[in-house]
Protein backbone atom coordinates (compact mmCIF):
# COMPACT_ATOMS: atom_id res chain seq x y z
CA MET A 1 12.69 9.67 4.62
CA PRO A 2 11.55 5.93 5.54
CA MET A 3 8.19 5.18 6.53
CA SER A 4 9.23 2.94 9.06
CA PRO A 5 9.96 5.47 12.00
CA LEU A 6 6.38 7.12 10.86
CA LEU A 7 4.62 4.24 11.22
CA ASN A 8 5.99 2.96 14.34
CA LYS A 9 4.09 5.72 16.51
CA ARG A 10 0.90 4.45 14.98
CA LYS A 11 -1.54 1.34 16.38
CA PRO A 12 -2.16 -1.25 14.59
CA GLU A 13 -5.66 -0.85 13.47
CA GLU A 14 -4.43 2.57 11.90
CA ILE A 15 -1.47 1.24 10.12
CA GLU A 16 -3.81 -1.16 8.64
CA LEU A 17 -5.78 1.61 7.35
CA LEU A 18 -3.22 3.05 6.23
CA ASN A 19 -2.28 0.17 4.24
CA GLU A 20 -5.43 -0.21 2.77
CA ALA A 21 -5.92 3.82 1.35
CA LEU A 22 -2.35 3.35 -0.19
CA ASN A 23 -3.38 0.39 -2.26
CA HIS A 24 -6.32 1.87 -3.09
CA ALA A 25 -4.97 5.28 -3.96
CA LEU A 26 -2.50 2.74 -5.96
CA ASN A 27 -5.19 0.94 -7.89
CA LEU A 28 -6.68 4.33 -8.89
CA VAL A 29 -3.55 5.52 -10.49
CA VAL A 30 -3.09 1.56 -11.81
CA VAL A 31 -0.14 0.98 -10.38
CA LEU A 32 0.91 -2.87 -10.89
CA ASP A 33 2.15 -5.41 -7.99
CA ARG A 34 4.85 -6.91 -9.89
CA ASN A 35 5.02 -9.37 -8.02
CA ASP A 36 1.43 -10.79 -8.98
CA PRO A 37 1.23 -11.72 -12.49
CA SER A 38 -2.22 -12.58 -12.14
CA LYS A 39 -2.98 -8.54 -11.97
CA TRP A 40 -0.28 -7.90 -15.28
CA ARG A 41 -2.24 -6.62 -18.47
CA SER A 42 -1.60 -8.25 -21.62
C-alpha cells in the first residue's frame, strides 16, 4: 500500500516527525542514500 493516502490525513508537523523517524531507523540499519555519494563507503 502506498504511503501517500496514509499521510494525507496527517498534519505537516506529524509528517516531519515521521520522516525524521524513518531516516533515523534507516541510518540504524546502515541503509545508504544512493543519490548521495558523500555517504558511500569505500
